[in-house]
């Protein structure tokens, strides 16, 4: 998406945060939402900050990756996926 001559993706990960275009505000306002952990990422999906199957899938994958980075491996974040299930 091109906004003010700058290209943006719908969702991307930088360091351990997931960044999303807040689609609740479009088309009247453009704002980037920062999900700082897997719980905020799950809430962004649930509250429809991100919309559309491809973007939702990417957001979920980035949220899982953020959890993995914090917990240093899949087994450390197995509980994160249980929390994802409870959130939905």
PDB file of N, CA and C in Angstrom:
ATOM      1  N   UNK A   1       0.841  -1.154   0.000  1.00  0.00           N
ATOM      2  CA  UNK A   1       0.000   0.000   0.000  1.00  0.00           C
ATOM      3  C   UNK A   1       0.902   1.237   0.000  1.00  0.00           C
ATOM      4  N   UNK A   2       0.601   2.187  -0.847  1.00  0.00           N
ATOM      5  CA  UNK A   2       1.365   3.425  -0.932  1.00  0.00           C
ATOM      6  C   UNK A   2       0.626   4.534  -0.184  1.00  0.00           C
ATOM      7  N   UNK A   3       1.257   5.066   0.868  1.00  0.00           N
ATOM      8  CA  UNK A   3       0.672   6.135   1.676  1.00  0.00           C
ATOM      9  C   UNK A   3       1.704   7.245   1.805  1.00  0.00           C
ATOM     10  N   UNK A   4       1.334   8.433   1.364  1.00  0.00           N
ATOM     11  CA  UNK A   4       2.249   9.584   1.420  1.00  0.00           C
ATOM     12  C   UNK A   4       3.617   9.250   0.825  1.00  0.00           C
ATOM     13  N   UNK A   5       3.590   8.604  -0.330  1.00  0.00           N
ATOM     14  CA  UNK A   5       4.800   8.219  -1.077  1.00  0.00           C
ATOM     15  C   UNK A   5       5.671   7.196  -0.350  1.00  0.00           C
ATOM     16  N   UNK A   6       5.127   6.488   0.620  1.00  0.00           N
ATOM     17  CA  UNK A   6       5.868   5.448   1.322  1.00  0.00           C
ATOM     18  C   UNK A   6       5.116   4.128   1.203  1.00  0.00           C
ATOM     19  N   UNK A   7       5.845   3.056   0.885  1.00  0.00           N
ATOM     20  CA  UNK A   7       5.234   1.734   0.760  1.00  0.00           C
ATOM     21  C   UNK A   7       5.071   1.089   2.129  1.00  0.00           C
ATOM     22  N   UNK A   8       3.920   0.476   2.343  1.00  0.00           N
ATOM     23  CA  UNK A   8       3.625  -0.260   3.576  1.00  0.00           C
ATOM     24  C   UNK A   8       3.082  -1.639   3.211  1.00  0.00           C
ATOM     25  N   UNK A   9       3.412  -2.616   4.027  1.00  0.00           N
ATOM     26  CA  UNK A   9       2.776  -3.927   3.946  1.00  0.00           C
ATOM     27  C   UNK A   9       1.607  -3.919   4.918  1.00  0.00           C
ATOM     28  N   UNK A  10       0.672  -4.821   4.728  1.00  0.00           N
ATOM     29  CA  UNK A  10      -0.460  -4.907   5.652  1.00  0.00           C
ATOM     30  C   UNK A  10      -0.003  -5.349   7.027  1.00  0.00           C
ATOM     31  N   UNK A  11       0.942  -6.280   7.064  1.00  0.00           N
ATOM     32  CA  UNK A  11       1.463  -6.802   8.328  1.00  0.00           C
ATOM     33  C   UNK A  11       2.955  -7.098   8.143  1.00  0.00           C
ATOM     34  N   UNK A  12       3.752  -6.787   9.167  1.00  0.00           N
ATOM     35  CA  UNK A  12       5.170  -7.112   9.123  1.00  0.00           C
ATOM     36  C   UNK A  12       5.689  -7.248  10.544  1.00  0.00           C
ATOM     37  N   UNK A  13       6.837  -7.884  10.645  1.00  0.00           N
ATOM     38  CA  UNK A  13       7.459  -8.080  11.949  1.00  0.00           C
ATOM     39  C   UNK A  13       8.798  -7.354  11.966  1.00  0.00           C
ATOM     40  N   UNK A  14       9.035  -6.665  13.058  1.00  0.00           N
ATOM     41  CA  UNK A  14      10.302  -5.971  13.255  1.00  0.00           C
ATOM     42  C   UNK A  14      10.720  -6.217  14.693  1.00  0.00           C
ATOM     43  N   UNK A  15      11.929  -6.726  14.859  1.00  0.00           N
ATOM     44  CA  UNK A  15      12.408  -7.164  16.166  1.00  0.00           C
ATOM     45  C   UNK A  15      11.428  -8.217  16.693  1.00  0.00           C
ATOM     46  N   UNK A  16      10.789  -8.001  17.818  1.00  0.00           N
ATOM     47  CA  UNK A  16       9.847  -8.995  18.321  1.00  0.00           C
ATOM     48  C   UNK A  16       8.421  -8.462  18.359  1.00  0.00           C
ATOM     49  N   UNK A  17       8.158  -7.378  17.631  1.00  0.00           N
ATOM     50  CA  UNK A  17       6.805  -6.814  17.562  1.00  0.00           C
ATOM     51  C   UNK A  17       6.207  -7.060  16.178  1.00  0.00           C
ATOM     52  N   UNK A  18       4.897  -7.186  16.149  1.00  0.00           N
ATOM     53  CA  UNK A  18       4.159  -7.322  14.896  1.00  0.00           C
ATOM     54  C   UNK A  18       3.468  -5.984  14.643  1.00  0.00           C
ATOM     55  N   UNK A  19       3.653  -5.458  13.437  1.00  0.00           N
ATOM     56  CA  UNK A  19       3.062  -4.177  13.058  1.00  0.00           C
ATOM     57  C   UNK A  19       1.967  -4.419  12.026  1.00  0.00           C
ATOM     58  N   UNK A  20       0.851  -3.740  12.190  1.00  0.00           N
ATOM     59  CA  UNK A  20      -0.305  -3.919  11.317  1.00  0.00           C
ATOM     60  C   UNK A  20      -0.878  -2.563  10.934  1.00  0.00           C
ATOM     61  N   UNK A  21      -1.404  -2.494   9.729  1.00  0.00           N
ATOM     62  CA  UNK A  21      -2.213  -1.336   9.383  1.00  0.00           C
ATOM     63  C   UNK A  21      -3.546  -1.531  10.091  1.00  0.00           C
ATOM     64  N   UNK A  22      -3.943  -0.573  10.897  1.00  0.00           N
ATOM     65  CA  UNK A  22      -5.201  -0.676  11.638  1.00  0.00           C
ATOM     66  C   UNK A  22      -6.363  -0.491  10.659  1.00  0.00           C
ATOM     67  N   UNK A  23      -6.941  -1.603  10.246  1.00  0.00           N
ATOM     68  CA  UNK A  23      -7.972  -1.568   9.218  1.00  0.00           C
ATOM     69  C   UNK A  23      -9.332  -1.137   9.753  1.00  0.00           C
ATOM     70  N   UNK A  24      -9.464  -1.021  11.063  1.00  0.00           N
ATOM     71  CA  UNK A  24     -10.711  -0.495  11.628  1.00  0.00           C
ATOM     72  C   UNK A  24     -10.888   0.981  11.287  1.00  0.00           C
ATOM     73  N   UNK A  25      -9.780   1.677  11.071  1.00  0.00           N
ATOM     74  CA  UNK A  25      -9.821   3.120  10.861  1.00  0.00           C
ATOM     75  C   UNK A  25      -9.885   3.523   9.391  1.00  0.00           C
ATOM     76  N   UNK A  26      -9.559   2.580   8.505  1.00  0.00           N
ATOM     77  CA  UNK A  26      -9.575   2.902   7.069  1.00  0.00           C
ATOM     78  C   UNK A  26     -10.994   3.126   6.597  1.00  0.00           C
ATOM     79  N   UNK A  27     -11.272   3.965   5.659  1.00  0.00           N
ATOM     80  CA  UNK A  27     -10.363   4.759   4.831  1.00  0.00           C
ATOM     81  C   UNK A  27     -10.145   6.173   5.358  1.00  0.00           C
ATOM     82  N   UNK A  28     -10.675   6.495   6.521  1.00  0.00           N
ATOM     83  CA  UNK A  28     -10.635   7.874   7.020  1.00  0.00           C
ATOM     84  C   UNK A  28      -9.321   8.244   7.696  1.00  0.00           C
ATOM     85  N   UNK A  29      -8.663   7.263   8.283  1.00  0.00           N
ATOM     86  CA  UNK A  29      -7.435   7.528   9.014  1.00  0.00           C
ATOM     87  C   UNK A  29      -6.468   6.379   8.779  1.00  0.00           C
ATOM     88  N   UNK A  30      -5.179   6.678   8.675  1.00  0.00           N
ATOM     89  CA  UNK A  30      -4.139   5.670   8.507  1.00  0.00           C
ATOM     90  C   UNK A  30      -3.314   5.617   9.781  1.00  0.00           C
ATOM     91  N   UNK A  31      -3.258   4.435  10.396  1.00  0.00           N
ATOM     92  CA  UNK A  31      -2.528   4.283  11.651  1.00  0.00           C
ATOM     93  C   UNK A  31      -1.895   2.893  11.688  1.00  0.00           C
ATOM     94  N   UNK A  32      -0.692   2.825  12.230  1.00  0.00           N
ATOM     95  CA  UNK A  32       0.000   1.548  12.413  1.00  0.00           C
ATOM     96  C   UNK A  32      -0.229   1.090  13.850  1.00  0.00           C
ATOM     97  N   UNK A  33      -0.661  -0.155  13.995  1.00  0.00           N
ATOM     98  CA  UNK A  33      -0.871  -0.762  15.315  1.00  0.00           C
ATOM     99  C   UNK A  33       0.337  -1.639  15.614  1.00  0.00           C
ATOM    100  N   UNK A  34       0.905  -1.528  16.798  1.00  0.00           N
ATOM    101  CA  UNK A  34       2.031  -2.353  17.210  1.00  0.00           C
ATOM    102  C   UNK A  34       1.565  -3.361  18.245  1.00  0.00           C
ATOM    103  N   UNK A  35       1.698  -4.639  17.911  1.00  0.00           N
ATOM    104  CA  UNK A  35       1.411  -5.714  18.863  1.00  0.00           C
ATOM    105  C   UNK A  35       2.753  -6.135  19.471  1.00  0.00           C
ATOM    106  N   UNK A  36       2.907  -5.920  20.755  1.00  0.00           N
ATOM    107  CA  UNK A  36       4.189  -6.153  21.412  1.00  0.00           C
ATOM    108  C   UNK A  36       4.394  -7.591  21.861  1.00  0.00           C
ATOM    109  N   UNK A  37       3.335  -8.392  21.853  1.00  0.00           N
ATOM    110  CA  UNK A  37       3.469  -9.796  22.247  1.00  0.00           C
ATOM    111  C   UNK A  37       2.377 -10.618  21.560  1.00  0.00           C
ATOM    112  N   UNK A  38       2.397 -11.912  21.798  1.00  0.00           N
ATOM    113  CA  UNK A  38       1.450 -12.812  21.136  1.00  0.00           C
ATOM    114  C   UNK A  38       0.009 -12.549  21.566  1.00  0.00           C
ATOM    115  N   UNK A  39      -0.203 -12.091  22.791  1.00  0.00           N
ATOM    116  CA  UNK A  39      -1.565 -11.813  23.251  1.00  0.00           C
ATOM    117  C   UNK A  39      -2.162 -10.611  22.512  1.00  0.00           C
ATOM    118  N   UNK A  40      -1.362  -9.569  22.338  1.00  0.00           N
ATOM    119  CA  UNK A  40      -1.831  -8.404  21.593  1.00  0.00           C
ATOM    120  C   UNK A  40      -2.057  -8.753  20.122  1.00  0.00           C
ATOM    121  N   UNK A  41      -1.240  -9.663  19.594  1.00  0.00           N
ATOM    122  CA  UNK A  41      -1.419 -10.106  18.211  1.00  0.00           C
ATOM    123  C   UNK A  41      -2.735 -10.856  18.067  1.00  0.00           C
ATOM    124  N   UNK A  42      -3.032 -11.742  19.014  1.00  0.00           N
ATOM    125  CA  UNK A  42      -4.306 -12.474  18.978  1.00  0.00           C
ATOM    126  C   UNK A  42      -5.488 -11.513  19.098  1.00  0.00           C
ATOM    127  N   UNK A  43      -5.367 -10.523  19.955  1.00  0.00           N
ATOM    128  CA  UNK A  43      -6.444  -9.534  20.106  1.00  0.00           C
ATOM    129  C   UNK A  43      -6.640  -8.708  18.837  1.00  0.00           C
ATOM    130  N   UNK A  44      -5.543  -8.432  18.127  1.00  0.00           N
ATOM    131  CA  UNK A  44      -5.654  -7.681  16.867  1.00  0.00           C
ATOM    132  C   UNK A  44      -6.464  -8.457  15.840  1.00  0.00           C
ATOM    133  N   UNK A  45      -6.319  -9.779  15.847  1.00  0.00           N
ATOM    134  CA  UNK A  45      -7.110 -10.613  14.939  1.00  0.00           C
ATOM    135  C   UNK A  45      -8.568 -10.635  15.400  1.00  0.00           C
ATOM    136  N   UNK A  46      -8.758 -10.852  16.692  1.00  0.00           N
ATOM    137  CA  UNK A  46     -10.113 -10.978  17.232  1.00  0.00           C
ATOM    138  C   UNK A  46     -10.927  -9.694  17.074  1.00  0.00           C
ATOM    139  N   UNK A  47     -10.284  -8.545  17.247  1.00  0.00           N
ATOM    140  CA  UNK A  47     -10.996  -7.275  17.174  1.00  0.00           C
ATOM    141  C   UNK A  47     -11.004  -6.693  15.757  1.00  0.00           C
ATOM    142  N   UNK A  48     -10.498  -7.462  14.811  1.00  0.00           N
ATOM    143  CA  UNK A  48     -10.514  -7.111  13.386  1.00  0.00           C
ATOM    144  C   UNK A  48      -9.689  -5.869  13.059  1.00  0.00           C
ATOM    145  N   UNK A  49      -8.600  -5.666  13.793  1.00  0.00           N
ATOM    146  CA  UNK A  49      -7.645  -4.645  13.383  1.00  0.00           C
ATOM    147  C   UNK A  49      -7.029  -5.062  12.052  1.00  0.00           C
ATOM    148  N   UNK A  50      -6.855  -6.362  11.898  1.00  0.00           N
ATOM    149  CA  UNK A  50      -6.383  -6.923  10.630  1.00  0.00           C
ATOM    150  C   UNK A  50      -7.536  -7.725  10.035  1.00  0.00           C
ATOM    151  N   UNK A  51      -7.712  -7.617   8.718  1.00  0.00           N
ATOM    152  CA  UNK A  51      -8.837  -8.280   8.046  1.00  0.00           C
ATOM    153  C   UNK A  51      -8.358  -8.964   6.783  1.00  0.00           C
ATOM    154  N   UNK A  52      -9.067  -9.998   6.397  1.00  0.00           N
ATOM    155  CA  UNK A  52      -8.757 -10.737   5.182  1.00  0.00           C
ATOM    156  C   UNK A  52      -7.928 -11.968   5.507  1.00  0.00           C
ATOM    157  N   UNK A  53      -8.289 -13.083   4.896  1.00  0.00           N
ATOM    158  CA  UNK A  53      -7.661 -14.363   5.220  1.00  0.00           C
ATOM    159  C   UNK A  53      -6.136 -14.347   5.106  1.00  0.00           C
ATOM    160  N   UNK A  54      -5.547 -13.846   4.013  1.00  0.00           N
ATOM    161  CA  UNK A  54      -4.084 -13.865   3.942  1.00  0.00           C
ATOM    162  C   UNK A  54      -3.424 -13.040   5.053  1.00  0.00           C
ATOM    163  N   UNK A  55      -3.965 -11.865   5.335  1.00  0.00           N
ATOM    164  CA  UNK A  55      -3.384 -11.005   6.368  1.00  0.00           C
ATOM    165  C   UNK A  55      -3.573 -11.612   7.762  1.00  0.00           C
ATOM    166  N   UNK A  56      -4.711 -12.237   7.998  1.00  0.00           N
ATOM    167  CA  UNK A  56      -4.953 -12.885   9.293  1.00  0.00           C
ATOM    168  C   UNK A  56      -3.993 -14.052   9.477  1.00  0.00           C
ATOM    169  N   UNK A  57      -3.786 -14.829   8.432  1.00  0.00           N
ATOM    170  CA  UNK A  57      -2.846 -15.954   8.505  1.00  0.00           C
ATOM    171  C   UNK A  57      -1.431 -15.491   8.787  1.00  0.00           C
ATOM    172  N   UNK A  58      -0.999 -14.443   8.085  1.00  0.00           N
ATOM    173  CA  UNK A  58       0.347 -13.903   8.302  1.00  0.00           C
ATOM    174  C   UNK A  58       0.484 -13.342   9.713  1.00  0.00           C
ATOM    175  N   UNK A  59      -0.553 -12.671  10.198  1.00  0.00           N
ATOM    176  CA  UNK A  59      -0.525 -12.102  11.541  1.00  0.00           C
ATOM    177  C   UNK A  59      -0.394 -13.206  12.590  1.00  0.00           C
ATOM    178  N   UNK A  60      -1.153 -14.277  12.426  1.00  0.00           N
ATOM    179  CA  UNK A  60      -1.057 -15.407  13.353  1.00  0.00           C
ATOM    180  C   UNK A  60       0.327 -16.037  13.339  1.00  0.00           C
ATOM    181  N   UNK A  61       0.893 -16.178  12.142  1.00  0.00           N
ATOM    182  CA  UNK A  61       2.243 -16.755  12.033  1.00  0.00           C
ATOM    183  C   UNK A  61       3.283 -15.841  12.682  1.00  0.00           C
ATOM    184  N   UNK A  62       3.172 -14.545  12.443  1.00  0.00           N
ATOM    185  CA  UNK A  62       4.102 -13.609  13.076  1.00  0.00           C
ATOM    186  C   UNK A  62       3.932 -13.615  14.594  1.00  0.00           C
ATOM    187  N   UNK A  63       2.707 -13.735  15.071  1.00  0.00           N
ATOM    188  CA  UNK A  63       2.467 -13.806  16.519  1.00  0.00           C
ATOM    189  C   UNK A  63       3.107 -15.042  17.130  1.00  0.00           C
ATOM    190  N   UNK A  64       2.995 -16.175  16.433  1.00  0.00           N
ATOM    191  CA  UNK A  64       3.646 -17.400  16.894  1.00  0.00           C
ATOM    192  C   UNK A  64       5.163 -17.257  16.891  1.00  0.00           C
ATOM    193  N   UNK A  65       5.687 -16.605  15.881  1.00  0.00           N
ATOM    194  CA  UNK A  65       7.126 -16.382  15.792  1.00  0.00           C
ATOM    195  C   UNK A  65       7.604 -15.466  16.915  1.00  0.00           C
ATOM    196  N   UNK A  66       6.825 -14.431  17.217  1.00  0.00           N
ATOM    197  CA  UNK A  66       7.181 -13.525  18.316  1.00  0.00           C
ATOM    198  C   UNK A  66       7.221 -14.282  19.638  1.00  0.00           C
ATOM    199  N   UNK A  67       6.264 -15.180  19.829  1.00  0.00           N
ATOM    200  CA  UNK A  67       6.231 -15.999  21.043  1.00  0.00           C
ATOM    201  C   UNK A  67       7.464 -16.902  21.099  1.00  0.00           C
ATOM    202  N   UNK A  68       7.788 -17.499  19.956  1.00  0.00           N
ATOM    203  CA  UNK A  68       8.943 -18.388  19.868  1.00  0.00           C
ATOM    204  C   UNK A  68      10.230 -17.631  20.202  1.00  0.00           C
ATOM    205  N   UNK A  69      10.358 -16.417  19.711  1.00  0.00           N
ATOM    206  CA  UNK A  69      11.554 -15.621  19.986  1.00  0.00           C
ATOM    207  C   UNK A  69      11.674 -15.295  21.473  1.00  0.00           C
ATOM    208  N   UNK A  70      10.570 -15.014  22.112  1.00  0.00           N
ATOM    209  CA  UNK A  70      10.611 -14.672  23.533  1.00  0.00           C
ATOM    210  C   UNK A  70      10.920 -15.891  24.400  1.00  0.00           C
ATOM    211  N   UNK A  71      10.396 -17.048  23.988  1.00  0.00           N
ATOM    212  CA  UNK A  71      10.524 -18.250  24.813  1.00  0.00           C
ATOM    213  C   UNK A  71      11.627 -19.187  24.347  1.00  0.00           C
ATOM    214  N   UNK A  72      12.377 -18.768  23.345  1.00  0.00           N
ATOM    215  CA  UNK A  72      13.544 -19.515  22.855  1.00  0.00           C
ATOM    216  C   UNK A  72      13.215 -20.949  22.466  1.00  0.00           C
ATOM    217  N   UNK A  73      12.242 -21.112  21.610  1.00  0.00           N
ATOM    218  CA  UNK A  73      11.953 -22.431  21.083  1.00  0.00           C
ATOM    219  C   UNK A  73      10.496 -22.808  21.194  1.00  0.00           C
ATOM    220  N   UNK A  74      10.105 -23.763  20.364  1.00  0.00           N
ATOM    221  CA  UNK A  74       8.700 -24.163  20.269  1.00  0.00           C
ATOM    222  C   UNK A  74       8.150 -24.650  21.595  1.00  0.00           C
ATOM    223  N   UNK A  75       8.883 -25.487  22.317  1.00  0.00           N
ATOM    224  CA  UNK A  75       8.324 -26.061  23.538  1.00  0.00           C
ATOM    225  C   UNK A  75       8.109 -25.004  24.603  1.00  0.00           C
ATOM    226  N   UNK A  76       8.870 -23.928  24.549  1.00  0.00           N
ATOM    227  CA  UNK A  76       8.660 -22.831  25.485  1.00  0.00           C
ATOM    228  C   UNK A  76       7.384 -22.068  25.205  1.00  0.00           C
ATOM    229  N   UNK A  77       6.918 -22.143  23.959  1.00  0.00           N
ATOM    230  CA  UNK A  77       5.724 -21.362  23.625  1.00  0.00           C
ATOM    231  C   UNK A  77       4.513 -22.248  23.350  1.00  0.00           C
ATOM    232  N   UNK A  78       4.575 -23.520  23.710  1.00  0.00           N
ATOM    233  CA  UNK A  78       3.407 -24.384  23.526  1.00  0.00           C
ATOM    234  C   UNK A  78       2.203 -23.810  24.263  1.00  0.00           C
ATOM    235  N   UNK A  79       2.438 -23.187  25.402  1.00  0.00           N
ATOM    236  CA  UNK A  79       1.358 -22.548  26.145  1.00  0.00           C
ATOM    237  C   UNK A  79       0.767 -21.359  25.410  1.00  0.00           C
ATOM    238  N   UNK A  80       1.581 -20.694  24.584  1.00  0.00           N
ATOM    239  CA  UNK A  80       1.093 -19.549  23.810  1.00  0.00           C
ATOM    240  C   UNK A  80      -0.026 -19.981  22.869  1.00  0.00           C
ATOM    241  N   UNK A  81       0.126 -21.134  22.256  1.00  0.00           N
ATOM    242  CA  UNK A  81      -0.887 -21.586  21.307  1.00  0.00           C
ATOM    243  C   UNK A  81      -2.173 -21.983  22.023  1.00  0.00           C
ATOM    244  N   UNK A  82      -2.046 -22.463  23.252  1.00  0.00           N
ATOM    245  CA  UNK A  82      -3.227 -22.716  24.057  1.00  0.00           C
ATOM    246  C   UNK A  82      -3.957 -21.416  24.378  1.00  0.00           C
ATOM    247  N   UNK A  83      -3.189 -20.372  24.647  1.00  0.00           N
ATOM    248  CA  UNK A  83      -3.780 -19.062  24.906  1.00  0.00           C
ATOM    249  C   UNK A  83      -4.463 -18.548  23.656  1.00  0.00           C
ATOM    250  N   UNK A  84      -3.852 -18.760  22.473  1.00  0.00           N
ATOM    251  CA  UNK A  84      -4.477 -18.359  21.207  1.00  0.00           C
ATOM    252  C   UNK A  84      -5.852 -19.022  21.082  1.00  0.00           C
ATOM    253  N   UNK A  85      -5.923 -20.307  21.379  1.00  0.00           N
ATOM    254  CA  UNK A  85      -7.206 -21.025  21.255  1.00  0.00           C
ATOM    255  C   UNK A  85      -8.242 -20.426  22.209  1.00  0.00           C
ATOM    256  N   UNK A  86      -7.823 -20.096  23.431  1.00  0.00           N
ATOM    257  CA  UNK A  86      -8.761 -19.524  24.398  1.00  0.00           C
ATOM    258  C   UNK A  86      -9.245 -18.133  23.977  1.00  0.00           C
ATOM    259  N   UNK A  87      -8.392 -17.384  23.299  1.00  0.00           N
ATOM    260  CA  UNK A  87      -8.757 -16.028  22.881  1.00  0.00           C
ATOM    261  C   UNK A  87      -9.838 -16.025  21.834  1.00  0.00           C
ATOM    262  N   UNK A  88      -9.903 -17.089  21.046  1.00  0.00           N
ATOM    263  CA  UNK A  88     -10.893 -17.139  19.971  1.00  0.00           C
ATOM    264  C   UNK A  88     -12.056 -17.994  20.381  1.00  0.00           C
TER     265      UNK A  88
END
